[in-house]
């Protein structure tokens, strides 16, 4: 853990390796700030991951340390990918898991874009 109590960025994570070209991906789009690619284990007919090109663990880390251009470039790619995949008309979901309780599996900030069918409730109601 870092002095902030948050895990440090692990350069060997799979998304870092994809960004360095060590592991291939099925690329959807890319700009100077982010890369979008198909998830290898899709949870919906459309399931794309968008990762920023930098060493950020979470959304808080990304928004605190990235430049305004990096932040804007990342979110612009998220929006343009959803549009290019034809999801604007019927709808889509953007999801980002932060930390163990949320189910974050890779310690590199990223968002999932889900679409292509009715997705239903994201979180069941509290009992």
N, C-alpha and C. Protein backbone atom coordinates (compact mmCIF):
# COMPACT_ATOMS: atom_id res chain seq x y z
N UNK A 1 0.83 -1.19 0.00
CA UNK A 1 0.00 0.00 0.00
C UNK A 1 0.88 1.25 0.00
N UNK A 2 0.39 2.29 -0.64
CA UNK A 2 1.10 3.55 -0.61
C UNK A 2 0.78 4.27 0.70
N UNK A 3 1.42 5.40 0.92
CA UNK A 3 1.17 6.16 2.14
C UNK A 3 -0.27 6.67 2.21
N UNK A 4 -0.96 6.72 1.08
CA UNK A 4 -2.36 7.17 1.07
C UNK A 4 -3.32 6.05 1.44
N UNK A 5 -2.79 4.82 1.59
CA UNK A 5 -3.65 3.68 1.89
C UNK A 5 -4.22 3.01 0.66
N UNK A 6 -3.91 3.53 -0.52
CA UNK A 6 -4.39 2.96 -1.78
C UNK A 6 -3.28 2.13 -2.41
N UNK A 7 -3.63 1.08 -3.13
CA UNK A 7 -2.58 0.28 -3.77
C UNK A 7 -1.84 1.10 -4.81
N UNK A 8 -0.52 0.89 -4.92
CA UNK A 8 0.23 1.59 -5.97
C UNK A 8 -0.07 0.97 -7.33
N UNK A 9 0.24 1.70 -8.38
CA UNK A 9 0.05 1.19 -9.73
C UNK A 9 1.05 0.06 -9.99
N UNK A 10 0.56 -1.05 -10.50
CA UNK A 10 1.40 -2.20 -10.83
C UNK A 10 1.63 -2.22 -12.34
N UNK A 11 2.84 -1.91 -12.74
CA UNK A 11 3.19 -1.84 -14.17
C UNK A 11 2.95 -3.15 -14.92
N UNK A 12 2.90 -4.26 -14.20
CA UNK A 12 2.73 -5.56 -14.87
C UNK A 12 1.27 -5.93 -15.11
N UNK A 13 0.32 -5.05 -14.76
CA UNK A 13 -1.09 -5.40 -14.97
C UNK A 13 -1.38 -5.56 -16.47
N UNK A 14 -2.42 -6.31 -16.77
CA UNK A 14 -2.71 -6.67 -18.16
C UNK A 14 -2.97 -5.45 -19.05
N UNK A 15 -3.59 -4.40 -18.52
CA UNK A 15 -3.87 -3.23 -19.36
C UNK A 15 -2.59 -2.45 -19.65
N UNK A 16 -1.68 -2.39 -18.68
CA UNK A 16 -0.38 -1.78 -18.95
C UNK A 16 0.36 -2.55 -20.03
N UNK A 17 0.26 -3.86 -19.98
CA UNK A 17 0.93 -4.71 -20.97
C UNK A 17 0.29 -4.55 -22.35
N UNK A 18 -1.03 -4.38 -22.40
CA UNK A 18 -1.70 -4.12 -23.68
C UNK A 18 -1.24 -2.78 -24.24
N UNK A 19 -1.17 -1.76 -23.40
CA UNK A 19 -0.72 -0.45 -23.86
C UNK A 19 0.71 -0.48 -24.39
N UNK A 20 1.55 -1.30 -23.82
CA UNK A 20 2.94 -1.41 -24.27
C UNK A 20 3.08 -2.35 -25.48
N UNK A 21 1.99 -2.96 -25.93
CA UNK A 21 2.03 -3.85 -27.09
C UNK A 21 2.53 -5.24 -26.77
N UNK A 22 2.62 -5.59 -25.50
CA UNK A 22 3.10 -6.91 -25.10
C UNK A 22 2.02 -7.98 -25.23
N UNK A 23 0.76 -7.56 -25.18
CA UNK A 23 -0.39 -8.45 -25.31
C UNK A 23 -1.30 -7.85 -26.37
N UNK A 24 -1.75 -8.65 -27.34
CA UNK A 24 -2.64 -8.11 -28.37
C UNK A 24 -4.04 -7.86 -27.83
N UNK A 25 -4.77 -7.01 -28.54
CA UNK A 25 -6.18 -6.78 -28.21
C UNK A 25 -6.94 -6.57 -29.52
N UNK A 26 -8.25 -6.72 -29.43
CA UNK A 26 -9.12 -6.47 -30.59
C UNK A 26 -9.55 -5.00 -30.51
N UNK A 27 -8.73 -4.15 -31.10
CA UNK A 27 -8.87 -2.70 -31.02
C UNK A 27 -10.16 -2.21 -31.68
N UNK A 28 -10.83 -1.28 -30.99
CA UNK A 28 -12.02 -0.63 -31.53
C UNK A 28 -11.67 0.78 -31.99
N UNK A 29 -10.95 1.51 -31.15
CA UNK A 29 -10.57 2.89 -31.45
C UNK A 29 -9.42 3.29 -30.53
N UNK A 30 -8.77 4.36 -30.93
CA UNK A 30 -7.65 4.85 -30.13
C UNK A 30 -7.44 6.32 -30.45
N UNK A 31 -7.01 7.09 -29.45
CA UNK A 31 -6.55 8.45 -29.68
C UNK A 31 -5.26 8.63 -28.88
N UNK A 32 -4.80 9.84 -28.77
CA UNK A 32 -3.54 10.09 -28.05
C UNK A 32 -3.64 9.78 -26.56
N UNK A 33 -4.85 9.68 -26.03
CA UNK A 33 -5.05 9.60 -24.59
C UNK A 33 -5.64 8.29 -24.08
N UNK A 34 -6.22 7.49 -24.98
CA UNK A 34 -6.92 6.28 -24.54
C UNK A 34 -6.98 5.24 -25.66
N UNK A 35 -7.26 4.02 -25.23
CA UNK A 35 -7.40 2.88 -26.14
C UNK A 35 -8.70 2.17 -25.80
N UNK A 36 -9.48 1.81 -26.82
CA UNK A 36 -10.72 1.05 -26.65
C UNK A 36 -10.57 -0.27 -27.37
N UNK A 37 -11.00 -1.35 -26.70
CA UNK A 37 -10.90 -2.68 -27.29
C UNK A 37 -11.99 -3.59 -26.73
N UNK A 38 -12.31 -4.64 -27.48
CA UNK A 38 -13.34 -5.59 -27.06
C UNK A 38 -12.87 -6.40 -25.85
N UNK A 39 -13.77 -6.61 -24.90
CA UNK A 39 -13.48 -7.44 -23.73
C UNK A 39 -13.34 -8.89 -24.19
N UNK A 40 -12.39 -9.62 -23.61
CA UNK A 40 -12.19 -11.01 -24.01
C UNK A 40 -13.24 -11.95 -23.42
N UNK A 41 -14.01 -11.46 -22.46
CA UNK A 41 -15.08 -12.25 -21.86
C UNK A 41 -16.34 -11.39 -21.78
N UNK A 42 -16.97 -11.12 -22.94
CA UNK A 42 -18.07 -10.15 -22.98
C UNK A 42 -19.27 -10.56 -22.13
N UNK A 43 -19.86 -9.56 -21.48
CA UNK A 43 -21.04 -9.74 -20.64
C UNK A 43 -22.31 -9.22 -21.32
N UNK A 44 -22.18 -8.72 -22.53
CA UNK A 44 -23.31 -8.20 -23.32
C UNK A 44 -22.89 -8.31 -24.78
N UNK A 45 -23.84 -8.19 -25.73
CA UNK A 45 -23.47 -8.26 -27.14
C UNK A 45 -22.38 -7.26 -27.52
N UNK A 46 -22.42 -6.08 -26.92
CA UNK A 46 -21.34 -5.11 -27.06
C UNK A 46 -20.72 -4.93 -25.68
N UNK A 47 -19.44 -5.21 -25.58
CA UNK A 47 -18.71 -5.03 -24.31
C UNK A 47 -17.30 -4.58 -24.67
N UNK A 48 -17.07 -3.29 -24.53
CA UNK A 48 -15.80 -2.68 -24.89
C UNK A 48 -15.19 -2.05 -23.64
N UNK A 49 -13.89 -2.18 -23.50
CA UNK A 49 -13.14 -1.54 -22.44
C UNK A 49 -12.45 -0.31 -23.00
N UNK A 50 -12.43 0.76 -22.22
CA UNK A 50 -11.67 1.95 -22.59
C UNK A 50 -10.70 2.23 -21.46
N UNK A 51 -9.40 2.30 -21.81
CA UNK A 51 -8.36 2.51 -20.81
C UNK A 51 -7.56 3.76 -21.16
N UNK A 52 -7.27 4.58 -20.18
CA UNK A 52 -6.42 5.74 -20.45
C UNK A 52 -4.97 5.30 -20.62
N UNK A 53 -4.22 6.08 -21.37
CA UNK A 53 -2.80 5.80 -21.60
C UNK A 53 -1.98 6.45 -20.50
N UNK A 54 -1.98 5.82 -19.36
CA UNK A 54 -1.22 6.32 -18.22
C UNK A 54 -1.39 5.39 -17.05
N UNK A 55 -0.63 5.63 -15.99
CA UNK A 55 -0.59 4.75 -14.83
C UNK A 55 -1.51 5.25 -13.72
N UNK A 56 -2.80 5.04 -13.90
CA UNK A 56 -3.79 5.44 -12.90
C UNK A 56 -4.56 4.23 -12.42
N UNK A 57 -4.77 4.13 -11.12
CA UNK A 57 -5.43 2.97 -10.52
C UNK A 57 -6.94 3.13 -10.47
N UNK A 58 -7.42 4.34 -10.24
CA UNK A 58 -8.86 4.56 -10.02
C UNK A 58 -9.29 5.87 -10.65
N UNK A 59 -10.59 6.10 -10.63
CA UNK A 59 -11.10 7.36 -11.16
C UNK A 59 -10.60 8.54 -10.34
N UNK A 60 -10.51 8.39 -9.02
CA UNK A 60 -9.99 9.48 -8.18
C UNK A 60 -8.54 9.77 -8.54
N UNK A 61 -7.74 8.73 -8.71
CA UNK A 61 -6.34 8.86 -9.08
C UNK A 61 -6.23 9.55 -10.45
N UNK A 62 -7.01 9.09 -11.41
CA UNK A 62 -7.00 9.65 -12.76
C UNK A 62 -7.37 11.12 -12.76
N UNK A 63 -8.47 11.45 -12.10
CA UNK A 63 -8.94 12.84 -12.13
C UNK A 63 -8.06 13.77 -11.30
N UNK A 64 -7.34 13.24 -10.32
CA UNK A 64 -6.43 14.07 -9.52
C UNK A 64 -5.10 14.31 -10.22
N UNK A 65 -4.63 13.34 -11.01
CA UNK A 65 -3.27 13.41 -11.54
C UNK A 65 -3.17 13.64 -13.04
N UNK A 66 -4.20 13.30 -13.79
CA UNK A 66 -4.15 13.48 -15.24
C UNK A 66 -4.35 14.95 -15.60
N UNK A 67 -3.82 15.33 -16.75
CA UNK A 67 -4.01 16.70 -17.23
C UNK A 67 -5.44 16.87 -17.74
N UNK A 68 -5.91 18.10 -17.85
CA UNK A 68 -7.24 18.32 -18.43
C UNK A 68 -7.36 17.72 -19.83
N UNK A 69 -6.28 17.78 -20.62
CA UNK A 69 -6.31 17.21 -21.97
C UNK A 69 -6.44 15.69 -21.92
N UNK A 70 -5.75 15.04 -20.98
CA UNK A 70 -5.85 13.59 -20.84
C UNK A 70 -7.26 13.18 -20.42
N UNK A 71 -7.82 13.90 -19.49
CA UNK A 71 -9.18 13.60 -19.02
C UNK A 71 -10.19 13.78 -20.15
N UNK A 72 -10.13 14.92 -20.83
CA UNK A 72 -11.06 15.17 -21.92
C UNK A 72 -10.88 14.17 -23.05
N UNK A 73 -9.64 13.86 -23.39
CA UNK A 73 -9.38 12.91 -24.47
C UNK A 73 -9.91 11.52 -24.16
N UNK A 74 -9.77 11.10 -22.90
CA UNK A 74 -10.29 9.80 -22.48
C UNK A 74 -11.81 9.77 -22.64
N UNK A 75 -12.50 10.74 -22.05
CA UNK A 75 -13.97 10.73 -22.08
C UNK A 75 -14.51 10.96 -23.49
N UNK A 76 -13.79 11.70 -24.32
CA UNK A 76 -14.22 11.86 -25.71
C UNK A 76 -14.16 10.53 -26.45
N UNK A 77 -13.14 9.73 -26.16
CA UNK A 77 -13.07 8.42 -26.82
C UNK A 77 -14.20 7.52 -26.33
N UNK A 78 -14.53 7.56 -25.05
CA UNK A 78 -15.66 6.77 -24.54
C UNK A 78 -16.92 7.12 -25.33
N UNK A 79 -17.22 8.41 -25.46
CA UNK A 79 -18.41 8.84 -26.19
C UNK A 79 -18.38 8.48 -27.66
N UNK A 80 -17.24 8.66 -28.31
CA UNK A 80 -17.17 8.37 -29.74
C UNK A 80 -17.26 6.88 -30.02
N UNK A 81 -16.74 6.05 -29.12
CA UNK A 81 -16.85 4.60 -29.29
C UNK A 81 -18.31 4.18 -29.19
N UNK A 82 -19.01 4.66 -28.18
CA UNK A 82 -20.43 4.33 -28.04
C UNK A 82 -21.21 4.74 -29.28
N UNK A 83 -20.92 5.91 -29.79
CA UNK A 83 -21.61 6.38 -31.00
C UNK A 83 -21.24 5.52 -32.21
N UNK A 84 -19.95 5.22 -32.37
CA UNK A 84 -19.53 4.46 -33.55
C UNK A 84 -20.07 3.03 -33.54
N UNK A 85 -20.38 2.50 -32.36
CA UNK A 85 -20.93 1.15 -32.26
C UNK A 85 -22.46 1.14 -32.37
N UNK A 86 -23.05 2.30 -32.62
CA UNK A 86 -24.49 2.39 -32.83
C UNK A 86 -25.32 2.29 -31.55
N UNK A 87 -24.73 2.66 -30.42
CA UNK A 87 -25.43 2.50 -29.14
C UNK A 87 -26.22 3.72 -28.70
N UNK A 88 -26.02 4.85 -29.35
CA UNK A 88 -26.69 6.09 -28.92
C UNK A 88 -28.21 5.98 -28.96
N UNK A 89 -28.76 5.37 -30.00
CA UNK A 89 -30.22 5.34 -30.17
C UNK A 89 -30.90 4.44 -29.14
N UNK A 90 -30.38 3.26 -28.91
CA UNK A 90 -31.04 2.31 -28.01
C UNK A 90 -30.56 2.39 -26.58
N UNK A 91 -29.37 2.93 -26.37
CA UNK A 91 -28.84 3.12 -25.03
C UNK A 91 -27.70 2.18 -24.71
N UNK A 92 -26.95 2.56 -23.71
CA UNK A 92 -25.79 1.78 -23.28
C UNK A 92 -25.48 2.12 -21.84
N UNK A 93 -24.60 1.34 -21.26
CA UNK A 93 -24.18 1.56 -19.88
C UNK A 93 -22.67 1.74 -19.85
N UNK A 94 -22.23 2.70 -19.05
CA UNK A 94 -20.81 2.88 -18.77
C UNK A 94 -20.62 2.47 -17.32
N UNK A 95 -19.67 1.58 -17.07
CA UNK A 95 -19.44 1.07 -15.72
C UNK A 95 -17.95 1.09 -15.42
N UNK A 96 -17.62 1.50 -14.21
CA UNK A 96 -16.24 1.43 -13.76
C UNK A 96 -16.22 0.94 -12.32
N UNK A 97 -15.51 -0.14 -12.08
CA UNK A 97 -15.40 -0.70 -10.74
C UNK A 97 -14.15 -0.13 -10.08
N UNK A 98 -14.29 0.34 -8.84
CA UNK A 98 -13.17 0.92 -8.10
C UNK A 98 -12.97 0.15 -6.80
N UNK A 99 -11.91 -0.60 -6.71
CA UNK A 99 -11.57 -1.31 -5.49
C UNK A 99 -12.19 -2.69 -5.39
N UNK A 100 -11.73 -3.42 -4.37
CA UNK A 100 -12.13 -4.81 -4.19
C UNK A 100 -13.63 -4.98 -3.98
N UNK A 101 -14.26 -4.14 -3.16
CA UNK A 101 -15.69 -4.29 -2.89
C UNK A 101 -16.54 -4.10 -4.15
N UNK A 102 -16.04 -3.33 -5.10
CA UNK A 102 -16.78 -3.11 -6.34
C UNK A 102 -16.46 -4.15 -7.41
N UNK A 103 -15.45 -4.97 -7.16
CA UNK A 103 -15.10 -6.01 -8.12
C UNK A 103 -14.04 -5.61 -9.12
N UNK A 104 -13.26 -4.57 -8.83
CA UNK A 104 -12.19 -4.18 -9.76
C UNK A 104 -11.17 -5.32 -9.83
N UNK A 105 -10.96 -5.84 -11.03
CA UNK A 105 -10.07 -6.97 -11.23
C UNK A 105 -8.69 -6.56 -11.73
N UNK A 106 -8.61 -5.43 -12.41
CA UNK A 106 -7.33 -4.95 -12.94
C UNK A 106 -7.06 -3.59 -12.33
N UNK A 107 -5.88 -3.43 -11.74
CA UNK A 107 -5.53 -2.18 -11.07
C UNK A 107 -5.08 -1.09 -12.02
N UNK A 108 -5.86 -0.85 -13.07
CA UNK A 108 -5.64 0.23 -14.03
C UNK A 108 -7.02 0.82 -14.29
N UNK A 109 -7.20 2.11 -14.03
CA UNK A 109 -8.51 2.75 -14.25
C UNK A 109 -9.00 2.42 -15.65
N UNK A 110 -10.26 2.04 -15.74
CA UNK A 110 -10.87 1.73 -17.03
C UNK A 110 -12.39 1.80 -16.90
N UNK A 111 -13.05 1.93 -18.02
CA UNK A 111 -14.51 1.86 -18.05
C UNK A 111 -14.93 0.78 -19.03
N UNK A 112 -16.07 0.18 -18.72
CA UNK A 112 -16.71 -0.79 -19.60
C UNK A 112 -17.85 -0.06 -20.30
N UNK A 113 -18.02 -0.32 -21.57
CA UNK A 113 -19.21 0.13 -22.31
C UNK A 113 -19.99 -1.13 -22.66
N UNK A 114 -21.23 -1.20 -22.17
CA UNK A 114 -22.11 -2.34 -22.43
C UNK A 114 -23.28 -1.89 -23.27
N UNK A 115 -23.72 -2.70 -24.21
CA UNK A 115 -24.90 -2.38 -25.00
C UNK A 115 -25.28 -3.55 -25.88
N UNK A 116 -26.22 -3.28 -26.77
CA UNK A 116 -26.65 -4.29 -27.72
C UNK A 116 -27.86 -5.09 -27.28
N UNK A 117 -28.34 -4.85 -26.07
CA UNK A 117 -29.56 -5.50 -25.57
C UNK A 117 -30.04 -4.71 -24.36
N UNK A 118 -31.27 -5.00 -23.92
CA UNK A 118 -31.78 -4.38 -22.69
C UNK A 118 -30.95 -4.92 -21.52
N UNK A 119 -30.38 -4.03 -20.73
CA UNK A 119 -29.46 -4.44 -19.69
C UNK A 119 -30.11 -4.65 -18.33
N UNK A 120 -31.27 -4.09 -18.10
CA UNK A 120 -31.93 -4.29 -16.82
C UNK A 120 -31.27 -3.52 -15.69
N UNK A 121 -31.67 -3.87 -14.47
CA UNK A 121 -31.11 -3.20 -13.28
C UNK A 121 -29.63 -3.50 -13.14
N UNK A 122 -28.90 -2.51 -12.73
CA UNK A 122 -27.48 -2.71 -12.50
C UNK A 122 -27.23 -3.28 -11.12
N UNK A 123 -27.92 -2.74 -10.13
CA UNK A 123 -27.74 -3.18 -8.75
C UNK A 123 -29.10 -3.54 -8.19
N UNK A 124 -29.25 -4.74 -7.63
CA UNK A 124 -30.55 -5.11 -7.08
C UNK A 124 -30.92 -4.21 -5.90
N UNK A 125 -32.21 -4.03 -5.64
CA UNK A 125 -32.61 -3.17 -4.53
C UNK A 125 -32.15 -3.77 -3.19
N UNK A 126 -31.96 -2.89 -2.23
CA UNK A 126 -31.56 -3.32 -0.88
C UNK A 126 -32.72 -4.06 -0.25
N UNK A 127 -32.43 -5.19 0.35
CA UNK A 127 -33.47 -6.02 0.96
C UNK A 127 -33.93 -5.45 2.28
